[in-house]
Amino acid sequence: MPLVYGNLVQLKQVFLNLSINAVEAMNDVDDGPRELLIKTTKSGPDSISVAVQDSGPGIDPEDSKRVFEDFYTTKPDGLGIGLSICCSIVEAHGGKLTVTANALRGAIFEFTLPTDGDVG
């Protein structure tokens, strides 16, 4: 994999927040396996992507349009700032954070980051 240059603490925060959200989304799943898949791929000549996929209840299409907004939450006890901060961090590193529905069940949060094209 090519190298990504950025603030390690901030990028760890993004990864940790997405992973914790995925685990929390699966807390109430009783009718199937709870699966968390984390996948890193080279997504272009000068970028990588990190996908955090869960088998939770998924995100309503209307919510998926707003989950990155400040103070918008789908959690009963959420503050609505975690995904907003993650989005800001990823964008500050020249990347993008998206959410899509998992084919079977759950959600996939994926962020892309630019790489040093001369490395790797």
PDB file of N, CA and C in Angstrom:
ATOM      1  N   MET A   1       0.840  -1.190   0.000  1.00  0.00           N
ATOM      2  CA  MET A   1       0.000   0.000   0.000  1.00  0.00           C
ATOM      3  C   MET A   1       0.876   1.240   0.000  1.00  0.00           C
ATOM      4  N   PRO A   2       0.458   2.245  -0.717  1.00  0.00           N
ATOM      5  CA  PRO A   2       1.191   3.513  -0.667  1.00  0.00           C
ATOM      6  C   PRO A   2       1.013   4.187   0.686  1.00  0.00           C
ATOM      7  N   LEU A   3       1.925   5.079   0.996  1.00  0.00           N
ATOM      8  CA  LEU A   3       1.875   5.790   2.262  1.00  0.00           C
ATOM      9  C   LEU A   3       0.892   6.958   2.205  1.00  0.00           C
ATOM     10  N   VAL A   4       0.286   7.232   3.341  1.00  0.00           N
ATOM     11  CA  VAL A   4      -0.584   8.393   3.513  1.00  0.00           C
ATOM     12  C   VAL A   4       0.093   9.294   4.533  1.00  0.00           C
ATOM     13  N   TYR A   5       0.197  10.564   4.213  1.00  0.00           N
ATOM     14  CA  TYR A   5       0.789  11.522   5.136  1.00  0.00           C
ATOM     15  C   TYR A   5      -0.313  12.349   5.771  1.00  0.00           C
ATOM     16  N   GLY A   6      -0.264  12.454   7.091  1.00  0.00           N
ATOM     17  CA  GLY A   6      -1.278  13.237   7.780  1.00  0.00           C
ATOM     18  C   GLY A   6      -1.042  13.219   9.272  1.00  0.00           C
ATOM     19  N   ASN A   7      -1.970  13.788   9.978  1.00  0.00           N
ATOM     20  CA  ASN A   7      -1.904  13.852  11.427  1.00  0.00           C
ATOM     21  C   ASN A   7      -2.384  12.515  11.985  1.00  0.00           C
ATOM     22  N   LEU A   8      -1.471  11.767  12.581  1.00  0.00           N
ATOM     23  CA  LEU A   8      -1.777  10.421  13.074  1.00  0.00           C
ATOM     24  C   LEU A   8      -2.889  10.428  14.114  1.00  0.00           C
ATOM     25  N   VAL A   9      -2.859  11.367  15.033  1.00  0.00           N
ATOM     26  CA  VAL A   9      -3.873  11.430  16.086  1.00  0.00           C
ATOM     27  C   VAL A   9      -5.254  11.666  15.473  1.00  0.00           C
ATOM     28  N   GLN A  10      -5.344  12.579  14.533  1.00  0.00           N
ATOM     29  CA  GLN A  10      -6.636  12.875  13.905  1.00  0.00           C
ATOM     30  C   GLN A  10      -7.150  11.688  13.098  1.00  0.00           C
ATOM     31  N   LEU A  11      -6.281  11.062  12.323  1.00  0.00           N
ATOM     32  CA  LEU A  11      -6.718   9.930  11.506  1.00  0.00           C
ATOM     33  C   LEU A  11      -7.098   8.730  12.364  1.00  0.00           C
ATOM     34  N   LYS A  12      -6.402   8.539  13.486  1.00  0.00           N
ATOM     35  CA  LYS A  12      -6.805   7.492  14.435  1.00  0.00           C
ATOM     36  C   LYS A  12      -8.190   7.788  14.992  1.00  0.00           C
ATOM     37  N   GLN A  13      -8.465   9.058  15.262  1.00  0.00           N
ATOM     38  CA  GLN A  13      -9.773   9.452  15.790  1.00  0.00           C
ATOM     39  C   GLN A  13     -10.889   9.109  14.804  1.00  0.00           C
ATOM     40  N   VAL A  14     -10.649   9.353  13.529  1.00  0.00           N
ATOM     41  CA  VAL A  14     -11.644   9.006  12.506  1.00  0.00           C
ATOM     42  C   VAL A  14     -11.892   7.506  12.513  1.00  0.00           C
ATOM     43  N   PHE A  15     -10.817   6.739  12.465  1.00  0.00           N
ATOM     44  CA  PHE A  15     -10.939   5.287  12.438  1.00  0.00           C
ATOM     45  C   PHE A  15     -11.641   4.762  13.687  1.00  0.00           C
ATOM     46  N   LEU A  16     -11.261   5.269  14.843  1.00  0.00           N
ATOM     47  CA  LEU A  16     -11.861   4.836  16.104  1.00  0.00           C
ATOM     48  C   LEU A  16     -13.341   5.192  16.169  1.00  0.00           C
ATOM     49  N   ASN A  17     -13.687   6.409  15.765  1.00  0.00           N
ATOM     50  CA  ASN A  17     -15.086   6.835  15.810  1.00  0.00           C
ATOM     51  C   ASN A  17     -15.953   5.975  14.894  1.00  0.00           C
ATOM     52  N   LEU A  18     -15.483   5.717  13.677  1.00  0.00           N
ATOM     53  CA  LEU A  18     -16.263   4.891  12.747  1.00  0.00           C
ATOM     54  C   LEU A  18     -16.406   3.465  13.264  1.00  0.00           C
ATOM     55  N   SER A  19     -15.343   2.936  13.862  1.00  0.00           N
ATOM     56  CA  SER A  19     -15.385   1.565  14.391  1.00  0.00           C
ATOM     57  C   SER A  19     -16.327   1.456  15.593  1.00  0.00           C
ATOM     58  N   ILE A  20     -16.258   2.420  16.502  1.00  0.00           N
ATOM     59  CA  ILE A  20     -17.153   2.406  17.672  1.00  0.00           C
ATOM     60  C   ILE A  20     -18.606   2.556  17.233  1.00  0.00           C
ATOM     61  N   ASN A  21     -18.866   3.458  16.290  1.00  0.00           N
ATOM     62  CA  ASN A  21     -20.232   3.618  15.779  1.00  0.00           C
ATOM     63  C   ASN A  21     -20.753   2.307  15.199  1.00  0.00           C
ATOM     64  N   ALA A  22     -19.904   1.592  14.465  1.00  0.00           N
ATOM     65  CA  ALA A  22     -20.320   0.325  13.859  1.00  0.00           C
ATOM     66  C   ALA A  22     -20.654  -0.705  14.935  1.00  0.00           C
ATOM     67  N   VAL A  23     -19.815  -0.804  15.949  1.00  0.00           N
ATOM     68  CA  VAL A  23     -20.061  -1.753  17.039  1.00  0.00           C
ATOM     69  C   VAL A  23     -21.357  -1.387  17.768  1.00  0.00           C
ATOM     70  N   GLU A  24     -21.542  -0.113  18.064  1.00  0.00           N
ATOM     71  CA  GLU A  24     -22.759   0.326  18.745  1.00  0.00           C
ATOM     72  C   GLU A  24     -23.999   0.063  17.898  1.00  0.00           C
ATOM     73  N   ALA A  25     -23.881   0.207  16.584  1.00  0.00           N
ATOM     74  CA  ALA A  25     -25.030  -0.044  15.698  1.00  0.00           C
ATOM     75  C   ALA A  25     -25.471  -1.500  15.760  1.00  0.00           C
ATOM     76  N   MET A  26     -24.545  -2.390  16.073  1.00  0.00           N
ATOM     77  CA  MET A  26     -24.868  -3.822  16.106  1.00  0.00           C
ATOM     78  C   MET A  26     -25.294  -4.311  17.483  1.00  0.00           C
ATOM     79  N   ASN A  27     -25.305  -3.448  18.477  1.00  0.00           N
ATOM     80  CA  ASN A  27     -25.655  -3.853  19.844  1.00  0.00           C
ATOM     81  C   ASN A  27     -26.996  -4.576  19.935  1.00  0.00           C
ATOM     82  N   ASP A  28     -27.985  -4.113  19.219  1.00  0.00           N
ATOM     83  CA  ASP A  28     -29.327  -4.682  19.340  1.00  0.00           C
ATOM     84  C   ASP A  28     -29.661  -5.699  18.252  1.00  0.00           C
ATOM     85  N   VAL A  29     -28.687  -6.144  17.496  1.00  0.00           N
ATOM     86  CA  VAL A  29     -28.923  -7.132  16.450  1.00  0.00           C
ATOM     87  C   VAL A  29     -29.101  -8.505  17.098  1.00  0.00           C
ATOM     88  N   ASP A  30     -30.279  -9.085  16.899  1.00  0.00           N
ATOM     89  CA  ASP A  30     -30.574 -10.396  17.474  1.00  0.00           C
ATOM     90  C   ASP A  30     -30.855 -11.458  16.414  1.00  0.00           C
ATOM     91  N   ASP A  31     -31.049 -11.046  15.168  1.00  0.00           N
ATOM     92  CA  ASP A  31     -31.501 -11.985  14.147  1.00  0.00           C
ATOM     93  C   ASP A  31     -30.427 -12.309  13.101  1.00  0.00           C
ATOM     94  N   GLY A  32     -29.217 -12.377  13.523  1.00  0.00           N
ATOM     95  CA  GLY A  32     -28.139 -12.730  12.600  1.00  0.00           C
ATOM     96  C   GLY A  32     -26.797 -12.394  13.211  1.00  0.00           C
ATOM     97  N   PRO A  33     -25.752 -12.678  12.456  1.00  0.00           N
ATOM     98  CA  PRO A  33     -24.411 -12.420  12.990  1.00  0.00           C
ATOM     99  C   PRO A  33     -24.110 -10.924  13.075  1.00  0.00           C
ATOM    100  N   ARG A  34     -23.265 -10.596  14.006  1.00  0.00           N
ATOM    101  CA  ARG A  34     -22.746  -9.234  14.123  1.00  0.00           C
ATOM    102  C   ARG A  34     -21.355  -9.254  13.504  1.00  0.00           C
ATOM    103  N   GLU A  35     -21.236  -8.588  12.393  1.00  0.00           N
ATOM    104  CA  GLU A  35     -19.967  -8.617  11.676  1.00  0.00           C
ATOM    105  C   GLU A  35     -19.464  -7.206  11.421  1.00  0.00           C
ATOM    106  N   LEU A  36     -18.193  -7.012  11.738  1.00  0.00           N
ATOM    107  CA  LEU A  36     -17.511  -5.755  11.476  1.00  0.00           C
ATOM    108  C   LEU A  36     -16.366  -6.070  10.526  1.00  0.00           C
ATOM    109  N   LEU A  37     -16.380  -5.451   9.369  1.00  0.00           N
ATOM    110  CA  LEU A  37     -15.340  -5.665   8.371  1.00  0.00           C
ATOM    111  C   LEU A  37     -14.645  -4.340   8.114  1.00  0.00           C
ATOM    112  N   ILE A  38     -13.338  -4.341   8.237  1.00  0.00           N
ATOM    113  CA  ILE A  38     -12.542  -3.152   7.959  1.00  0.00           C
ATOM    114  C   ILE A  38     -11.631  -3.504   6.795  1.00  0.00           C
ATOM    115  N   LYS A  39     -11.749  -2.696   5.742  1.00  0.00           N
ATOM    116  CA  LYS A  39     -11.023  -3.007   4.517  1.00  0.00           C
ATOM    117  C   LYS A  39     -10.280  -1.772   4.033  1.00  0.00           C
ATOM    118  N   THR A  40      -9.013  -1.953   3.702  1.00  0.00           N
ATOM    119  CA  THR A  40      -8.207  -0.881   3.134  1.00  0.00           C
ATOM    120  C   THR A  40      -7.813  -1.298   1.726  1.00  0.00           C
ATOM    121  N   THR A  41      -8.045  -0.413   0.764  1.00  0.00           N
ATOM    122  CA  THR A  41      -7.714  -0.711  -0.623  1.00  0.00           C
ATOM    123  C   THR A  41      -7.073   0.502  -1.284  1.00  0.00           C
ATOM    124  N   LYS A  42      -6.351   0.229  -2.339  1.00  0.00           N
ATOM    125  CA  LYS A  42      -5.851   1.311  -3.176  1.00  0.00           C
ATOM    126  C   LYS A  42      -7.014   1.669  -4.100  1.00  0.00           C
ATOM    127  N   SER A  43      -7.516   2.890  -3.988  1.00  0.00           N
ATOM    128  CA  SER A  43      -8.732   3.248  -4.711  1.00  0.00           C
ATOM    129  C   SER A  43      -8.467   4.059  -5.975  1.00  0.00           C
ATOM    130  N   GLY A  44      -7.243   4.340  -6.252  1.00  0.00           N
ATOM    131  CA  GLY A  44      -6.877   5.080  -7.448  1.00  0.00           C
ATOM    132  C   GLY A  44      -5.369   5.180  -7.509  1.00  0.00           C
ATOM    133  N   PRO A  45      -4.854   5.827  -8.528  1.00  0.00           N
ATOM    134  CA  PRO A  45      -3.405   5.910  -8.646  1.00  0.00           C
ATOM    135  C   PRO A  45      -2.759   6.687  -7.499  1.00  0.00           C
ATOM    136  N   ASP A  46      -3.494   7.612  -6.913  1.00  0.00           N
ATOM    137  CA  ASP A  46      -2.939   8.450  -5.850  1.00  0.00           C
ATOM    138  C   ASP A  46      -3.860   8.529  -4.636  1.00  0.00           C
ATOM    139  N   SER A  47      -4.568   7.423  -4.336  1.00  0.00           N
ATOM    140  CA  SER A  47      -5.451   7.450  -3.167  1.00  0.00           C
ATOM    141  C   SER A  47      -5.680   6.043  -2.627  1.00  0.00           C
ATOM    142  N   ILE A  48      -6.034   6.013  -1.352  1.00  0.00           N
ATOM    143  CA  ILE A  48      -6.425   4.763  -0.700  1.00  0.00           C
ATOM    144  C   ILE A  48      -7.795   4.999  -0.085  1.00  0.00           C
ATOM    145  N   SER A  49      -8.476   3.909   0.215  1.00  0.00           N
ATOM    146  CA  SER A  49      -9.750   4.028   0.921  1.00  0.00           C
ATOM    147  C   SER A  49      -9.766   3.062   2.084  1.00  0.00           C
ATOM    148  N   VAL A  50     -10.452   3.478   3.132  1.00  0.00           N
ATOM    149  CA  VAL A  50     -10.657   2.655   4.305  1.00  0.00           C
ATOM    150  C   VAL A  50     -12.166   2.552   4.494  1.00  0.00           C
ATOM    151  N   ALA A  51     -12.678   1.329   4.485  1.00  0.00           N
ATOM    152  CA  ALA A  51     -14.113   1.099   4.644  1.00  0.00           C
ATOM    153  C   ALA A  51     -14.372   0.380   5.957  1.00  0.00           C
ATOM    154  N   VAL A  52     -15.348   0.877   6.710  1.00  0.00           N
ATOM    155  CA  VAL A  52     -15.784   0.253   7.961  1.00  0.00           C
ATOM    156  C   VAL A  52     -17.228  -0.183   7.730  1.00  0.00           C
ATOM    157  N   GLN A  53     -17.420  -1.495   7.654  1.00  0.00           N
ATOM    158  CA  GLN A  53     -18.718  -2.075   7.290  1.00  0.00           C
ATOM    159  C   GLN A  53     -19.276  -2.862   8.464  1.00  0.00           C
ATOM    160  N   ASP A  54     -20.568  -2.651   8.758  1.00  0.00           N
ATOM    161  CA  ASP A  54     -21.188  -3.383   9.860  1.00  0.00           C
ATOM    162  C   ASP A  54     -22.436  -4.108   9.377  1.00  0.00           C
ATOM    163  N   SER A  55     -22.945  -4.977  10.227  1.00  0.00           N
ATOM    164  CA  SER A  55     -24.178  -5.709   9.920  1.00  0.00           C
ATOM    165  C   SER A  55     -25.291  -5.275  10.876  1.00  0.00           C
ATOM    166  N   GLY A  56     -25.304  -4.005  11.196  1.00  0.00           N
ATOM    167  CA  GLY A  56     -26.353  -3.449  12.050  1.00  0.00           C
ATOM    168  C   GLY A  56     -27.622  -3.176  11.263  1.00  0.00           C
ATOM    169  N   PRO A  57     -28.500  -2.358  11.807  1.00  0.00           N
ATOM    170  CA  PRO A  57     -29.775  -2.093  11.147  1.00  0.00           C
ATOM    171  C   PRO A  57     -29.662  -1.199   9.913  1.00  0.00           C
ATOM    172  N   GLY A  58     -28.516  -0.581   9.703  1.00  0.00           N
ATOM    173  CA  GLY A  58     -28.337   0.297   8.550  1.00  0.00           C
ATOM    174  C   GLY A  58     -28.800   1.712   8.852  1.00  0.00           C
ATOM    175  N   ILE A  59     -28.737   2.534   7.839  1.00  0.00           N
ATOM    176  CA  ILE A  59     -29.111   3.940   7.974  1.00  0.00           C
ATOM    177  C   ILE A  59     -30.232   4.236   6.991  1.00  0.00           C
ATOM    178  N   ASP A  60     -31.263   4.881   7.484  1.00  0.00           N
ATOM    179  CA  ASP A  60     -32.364   5.305   6.632  1.00  0.00           C
ATOM    180  C   ASP A  60     -31.811   6.229   5.550  1.00  0.00           C
ATOM    181  N   PRO A  61     -32.276   6.083   4.297  1.00  0.00           N
ATOM    182  CA  PRO A  61     -31.769   6.952   3.223  1.00  0.00           C
ATOM    183  C   PRO A  61     -31.887   8.448   3.530  1.00  0.00           C
ATOM    184  N   GLU A  62     -32.928   8.839   4.227  1.00  0.00           N
ATOM    185  CA  GLU A  62     -33.063  10.255   4.590  1.00  0.00           C
ATOM    186  C   GLU A  62     -31.989  10.665   5.592  1.00  0.00           C
ATOM    187  N   ASP A  63     -31.670   9.781   6.531  1.00  0.00           N
ATOM    188  CA  ASP A  63     -30.620  10.074   7.510  1.00  0.00           C
ATOM    189  C   ASP A  63     -29.245  10.123   6.842  1.00  0.00           C
ATOM    190  N   SER A  64     -29.026   9.277   5.837  1.00  0.00           N
ATOM    191  CA  SER A  64     -27.702   9.230   5.201  1.00  0.00           C
ATOM    192  C   SER A  64     -27.354  10.547   4.521  1.00  0.00           C
ATOM    193  N   LYS A  65     -28.354  11.337   4.190  1.00  0.00           N
ATOM    194  CA  LYS A  65     -28.104  12.648   3.589  1.00  0.00           C
ATOM    195  C   LYS A  65     -27.642  13.668   4.622  1.00  0.00           C
ATOM    196  N   ARG A  66     -27.880  13.386   5.910  1.00  0.00           N
ATOM    197  CA  ARG A  66     -27.619  14.371   6.950  1.00  0.00           C
ATOM    198  C   ARG A  66     -26.616  13.951   8.017  1.00  0.00           C
ATOM    199  N   VAL A  67     -26.170  12.697   8.020  1.00  0.00           N
ATOM    200  CA  VAL A  67     -25.363  12.200   9.142  1.00  0.00           C
ATOM    201  C   VAL A  67     -24.056  12.957   9.362  1.00  0.00           C
ATOM    202  N   PHE A  68     -23.565  13.660   8.364  1.00  0.00           N
ATOM    203  CA  PHE A  68     -22.314  14.402   8.523  1.00  0.00           C
ATOM    204  C   PHE A  68     -22.539  15.850   8.942  1.00  0.00           C
ATOM    205  N   GLU A  69     -23.799  16.250   9.114  1.00  0.00           N
ATOM    206  CA  GLU A  69     -24.111  17.610   9.554  1.00  0.00           C
ATOM    207  C   GLU A  69     -23.833  17.761  11.050  1.00  0.00           C
ATOM    208  N   ASP A  70     -23.427  18.974  11.440  1.00  0.00           N
ATOM    209  CA  ASP A  70     -23.213  19.270  12.859  1.00  0.00           C
ATOM    210  C   ASP A  70     -24.498  19.049  13.646  1.00  0.00           C
ATOM    211  N   PHE A  71     -24.393  18.369  14.767  1.00  0.00           N
ATOM    212  CA  PHE A  71     -25.466  18.161  15.743  1.00  0.00           C
ATOM    213  C   PHE A  71     -26.636  17.329  15.216  1.00  0.00           C
ATOM    214  N   TYR A  72     -26.448  16.594  14.131  1.00  0.00           N
ATOM    215  CA  TYR A  72     -27.478  15.669  13.654  1.00  0.00           C
ATOM    216  C   TYR A  72     -27.093  14.275  14.125  1.00  0.00           C
ATOM    217  N   THR A  73     -28.006  13.599  14.780  1.00  0.00           N
ATOM    218  CA  THR A  73     -27.713  12.258  15.282  1.00  0.00           C
ATOM    219  C   THR A  73     -28.895  11.326  15.079  1.00  0.00           C
ATOM    220  N   THR A  74     -28.601  10.058  14.945  1.00  0.00           N
ATOM    221  CA  THR A  74     -29.641   9.023  14.890  1.00  0.00           C
ATOM    222  C   THR A  74     -29.634   8.196  16.172  1.00  0.00           C
ATOM    223  N   LYS A  75     -28.725   8.526  17.089  1.00  0.00           N
ATOM    224  CA  LYS A  75     -28.623   7.806  18.358  1.00  0.00           C
ATOM    225  C   LYS A  75     -29.439   8.523  19.433  1.00  0.00           C
ATOM    226  N   PRO A  76     -30.118   7.755  20.288  1.00  0.00           N
ATOM    227  CA  PRO A  76     -30.900   8.390  21.357  1.00  0.00           C
ATOM    228  C   PRO A  76     -30.042   9.246  22.291  1.00  0.00           C
ATOM    229  N   ASP A  77     -28.784   8.842  22.497  1.00  0.00           N
ATOM    230  CA  ASP A  77     -27.918   9.586  23.412  1.00  0.00           C
ATOM    231  C   ASP A  77     -26.748  10.243  22.687  1.00  0.00           C
ATOM    232  N   GLY A  78     -26.864  10.395  21.369  1.00  0.00           N
ATOM    233  CA  GLY A  78     -25.774  10.971  20.586  1.00  0.00           C
ATOM    234  C   GLY A  78     -25.762  12.489  20.640  1.00  0.00           C
ATOM    235  N   LEU A  79     -24.584  13.050  20.416  1.00  0.00           N
ATOM    236  CA  LEU A  79     -24.428  14.501  20.385  1.00  0.00           C
ATOM    237  C   LEU A  79     -24.472  15.052  18.965  1.00  0.00           C
ATOM    238  N   GLY A  80     -24.208  14.194  17.980  1.00  0.00           N
ATOM    239  CA  GLY A  80     -24.235  14.652  16.602  1.00  0.00           C
ATOM    240  C   GLY A  80     -22.988  15.401  16.181  1.00  0.00           C
ATOM    241  N   ILE A  81     -21.868  15.111  16.830  1.00  0.00           N
ATOM    242  CA  ILE A  81     -20.640  15.796  16.432  1.00  0.00           C
ATOM    243  C   ILE A  81     -19.553  14.840  15.936  1.00  0.00           C
ATOM    244  N   GLY A  82     -19.649  13.568  16.266  1.00  0.00           N
ATOM    245  CA  GLY A  82     -18.601  12.612  15.903  1.00  0.00           C
ATOM    246  C   GLY A  82     -18.377  12.506  14.409  1.00  0.00           C
ATOM    247  N   LEU A  83     -19.435  12.261  13.643  1.00  0.00           N
ATOM    248  CA  LEU A  83     -19.278  12.111  12.200  1.00  0.00           C
ATOM    249  C   LEU A  83     -18.938  13.438  11.533  1.00  0.00           C
ATOM    250  N   SER A  84     -19.454  14.523  12.087  1.00  0.00           N
ATOM    251  CA  SER A  84     -19.127  15.847  11.567  1.00  0.00           C
ATOM    252  C   SER A  84     -17.630  16.122  11.715  1.00  0.00           C
ATOM    253  N   ILE A  85     -17.086  15.794  12.870  1.00  0.00           N
ATOM    254  CA  ILE A  85     -15.648  15.977  13.102  1.00  0.00           C
ATOM    255  C   ILE A  85     -14.851  15.059  12.181  1.00  0.00           C
ATOM    256  N   CYS A  86     -15.280  13.816  12.051  1.00  0.00           N
ATOM    257  CA  CYS A  86     -14.590  12.877  11.155  1.00  0.00           C
ATOM    258  C   CYS A  86     -14.549  13.418   9.730  1.00  0.00           C
ATOM    259  N   CYS A  87     -15.671  13.937   9.275  1.00  0.00           N
ATOM    260  CA  CYS A  87     -15.756  14.493   7.932  1.00  0.00           C
ATOM    261  C   CYS A  87     -14.786  15.662   7.777  1.00  0.00           C
ATOM    262  N   SER A  88     -14.740  16.534   8.761  1.00  0.00           N
ATOM    263  CA  SER A  88     -13.832  17.688   8.717  1.00  0.00           C
ATOM    264  C   SER A  88     -12.366  17.250   8.685  1.00  0.00           C
ATOM    265  N   ILE A  89     -12.033  16.246   9.483  1.00  0.00           N
ATOM    266  CA  ILE A  89     -10.649  15.747   9.521  1.00  0.00           C
ATOM    267  C   ILE A  89     -10.264  15.153   8.167  1.00  0.00           C
ATOM    268  N   VAL A  90     -11.136  14.309   7.635  1.00  0.00           N
ATOM    269  CA  VAL A  90     -10.833  13.668   6.347  1.00  0.00           C
ATOM    270  C   VAL A  90     -10.695  14.725   5.251  1.00  0.00           C
ATOM    271  N   GLU A  91     -11.604  15.684   5.218  1.00  0.00           N
ATOM    272  CA  GLU A  91     -11.536  16.741   4.209  1.00  0.00           C
ATOM    273  C   GLU A  91     -10.282  17.599   4.378  1.00  0.00           C
ATOM    274  N   ALA A  92      -9.866  17.852   5.622  1.00  0.00           N
ATOM    275  CA  ALA A  92      -8.647  18.622   5.872  1.00  0.00           C
ATOM    276  C   ALA A  92      -7.406  17.881   5.365  1.00  0.00           C
ATOM    277  N   HIS A  93      -7.507  16.571   5.232  1.00  0.00           N
ATOM    278  CA  HIS A  93      -6.412  15.758   4.704  1.00  0.00           C
ATOM    279  C   HIS A  93      -6.548  15.549   3.187  1.00  0.00           C
ATOM    280  N   GLY A  94      -7.500  16.232   2.563  1.00  0.00           N
ATOM    281  CA  GLY A  94      -7.681  16.129   1.123  1.00  0.00           C
ATOM    282  C   GLY A  94      -8.522  14.962   0.673  1.00  0.00           C
ATOM    283  N   GLY A  95      -9.280  14.369   1.612  1.00  0.00           N
ATOM    284  CA  GLY A  95     -10.077  13.191   1.289  1.00  0.00           C
ATOM    285  C   GLY A  95     -11.567  13.441   1.379  1.00  0.00           C
ATOM    286  N   LYS A  96     -12.302  12.352   1.373  1.00  0.00           N
ATOM    287  CA  LYS A  96     -13.764  12.418   1.421  1.00  0.00           C
ATOM    288  C   LYS A  96     -14.290  11.259   2.260  1.00  0.00           C
ATOM    289  N   LEU A  97     -15.354  11.522   3.029  1.00  0.00           N
ATOM    290  CA  LEU A  97     -16.021  10.507   3.847  1.00  0.00           C
ATOM    291  C   LEU A  97     -17.434  10.321   3.324  1.00  0.00           C
ATOM    292  N   THR A  98     -17.821   9.072   3.074  1.00  0.00           N
ATOM    293  CA  THR A  98     -19.150   8.774   2.543  1.00  0.00           C
ATOM    294  C   THR A  98     -19.790   7.640   3.339  1.00  0.00           C
ATOM    295  N   VAL A  99     -21.096   7.499   3.161  1.00  0.00           N
ATOM    296  CA  VAL A  99     -21.812   6.372   3.743  1.00  0.00           C
ATOM    297  C   VAL A  99     -22.715   5.774   2.668  1.00  0.00           C
ATOM    298  N   THR A 100     -22.759   4.439   2.632  1.00  0.00           N
ATOM    299  CA  THR A 100     -23.643   3.716   1.732  1.00  0.00           C
ATOM    300  C   THR A 100     -24.259   2.556   2.505  1.00  0.00           C
ATOM    301  N   ALA A 101     -25.320   2.008   1.947  1.00  0.00           N
ATOM    302  CA  ALA A 101     -25.949   0.837   2.555  1.00  0.00           C
ATOM    303  C   ALA A 101     -25.133  -0.401   2.225  1.00  0.00           C
ATOM    304  N   ASN A 102     -25.001  -1.282   3.206  1.00  0.00           N
ATOM    305  CA  ASN A 102     -24.389  -2.578   2.984  1.00  0.00           C
ATOM    306  C   ASN A 102     -25.403  -3.415   2.209  1.00  0.00           C
ATOM    307  N   ALA A 103     -24.957  -4.245   1.285  1.00  0.00           N
ATOM    308  CA  ALA A 103     -25.868  -4.998   0.423  1.00  0.00           C
ATOM    309  C   ALA A 103     -26.880  -5.831   1.203  1.00  0.00           C
ATOM    310  N   LEU A 104     -26.425  -6.546   2.227  1.00  0.00           N
ATOM    311  CA  LEU A 104     -27.341  -7.409   2.972  1.00  0.00           C
ATOM    312  C   LEU A 104     -28.024  -6.675   4.116  1.00  0.00           C
ATOM    313  N   ARG A 105     -27.239  -6.002   4.912  1.00  0.00           N
ATOM    314  CA  ARG A 105     -27.750  -5.296   6.078  1.00  0.00           C
ATOM    315  C   ARG A 105     -26.616  -4.472   6.642  1.00  0.00           C
ATOM    316  N   GLY A 106     -26.940  -3.317   7.168  1.00  0.00           N
ATOM    317  CA  GLY A 106     -25.923  -2.497   7.801  1.00  0.00           C
ATOM    318  C   GLY A 106     -25.508  -1.312   6.953  1.00  0.00           C
ATOM    319  N   ALA A 107     -24.379  -0.739   7.303  1.00  0.00           N
ATOM    320  CA  ALA A 107     -23.876   0.457   6.633  1.00  0.00           C
ATOM    321  C   ALA A 107     -22.386   0.312   6.367  1.00  0.00           C
ATOM    322  N   ILE A 108     -21.918   1.072   5.396  1.00  0.00           N
ATOM    323  CA  ILE A 108     -20.494   1.132   5.079  1.00  0.00           C
ATOM    324  C   ILE A 108     -20.085   2.601   5.102  1.00  0.00           C
ATOM    325  N   PHE A 109     -19.227   2.942   6.038  1.00  0.00           N
ATOM    326  CA  PHE A 109     -18.629   4.271   6.073  1.00  0.00           C
ATOM    327  C   PHE A 109     -17.248   4.121   5.464  1.00  0.00           C
ATOM    328  N   GLU A 110     -16.964   4.926   4.462  1.00  0.00           N
ATOM    329  CA  GLU A 110     -15.703   4.804   3.748  1.00  0.00           C
ATOM    330  C   GLU A 110     -15.068   6.176   3.585  1.00  0.00           C
ATOM    331  N   PHE A 111     -13.771   6.236   3.872  1.00  0.00           N
ATOM    332  CA  PHE A 111     -13.066   7.479   3.614  1.00  0.00           C
ATOM    333  C   PHE A 111     -11.885   7.224   2.702  1.00  0.00           C
ATOM    334  N   THR A 112     -11.656   8.193   1.833  1.00  0.00           N
ATOM    335  CA  THR A 112     -10.520   8.134   0.932  1.00  0.00           C
ATOM    336  C   THR A 112      -9.523   9.202   1.348  1.00  0.00           C
ATOM    337  N   LEU A 113      -8.269   8.906   1.128  1.00  0.00           N
ATOM    338  CA  LEU A 113      -7.194   9.849   1.434  1.00  0.00           C
ATOM    339  C   LEU A 113      -6.177   9.824   0.304  1.00  0.00           C
ATOM    340  N   PRO A 114      -5.631  10.979  -0.021  1.00  0.00           N
ATOM    341  CA  PRO A 114      -4.587  10.995  -1.067  1.00  0.00           C
ATOM    342  C   PRO A 114      -3.296  10.388  -0.540  1.00  0.00           C
ATOM    343  N   THR A 115      -2.532   9.829  -1.452  1.00  0.00           N
ATOM    344  CA  THR A 115      -1.248   9.237  -1.104  1.00  0.00           C
ATOM    345  C   THR A 115      -0.144  10.025  -1.805  1.00  0.00           C
ATOM    346  N   ASP A 116       1.073   9.728  -1.421  1.00  0.00           N
ATOM    347  CA  ASP A 116       2.210  10.270  -2.129  1.00  0.00           C
ATOM    348  C   ASP A 116       2.413   9.357  -3.335  1.00  0.00           C
ATOM    349  N   GLY A 117       2.094   9.832  -4.503  1.00  0.00           N
ATOM    350  CA  GLY A 117       2.135   9.024  -5.713  1.00  0.00           C
ATOM    351  C   GLY A 117       3.496   8.413  -6.006  1.00  0.00           C
ATOM    352  N   ASP A 118       4.567   8.976  -5.455  1.00  0.00           N
ATOM    353  CA  ASP A 118       5.914   8.458  -5.702  1.00  0.00           C
ATOM    354  C   ASP A 118       6.305   7.355  -4.739  1.00  0.00           C
ATOM    355  N   VAL A 119       5.471   7.067  -3.744  1.00  0.00           N
ATOM    356  CA  VAL A 119       5.802   6.084  -2.720  1.00  0.00           C
ATOM    357  C   VAL A 119       4.938   4.864  -2.920  1.00  0.00           C
ATOM    358  N   GLY A 120       5.465   3.682  -2.661  1.00  0.00           N
ATOM    359  CA  GLY A 120       4.666   2.475  -2.663  1.00  0.00           C
ATOM    360  C   GLY A 120       4.622   1.821  -3.988  1.00  0.00           C
TER     361      GLY A 120
END
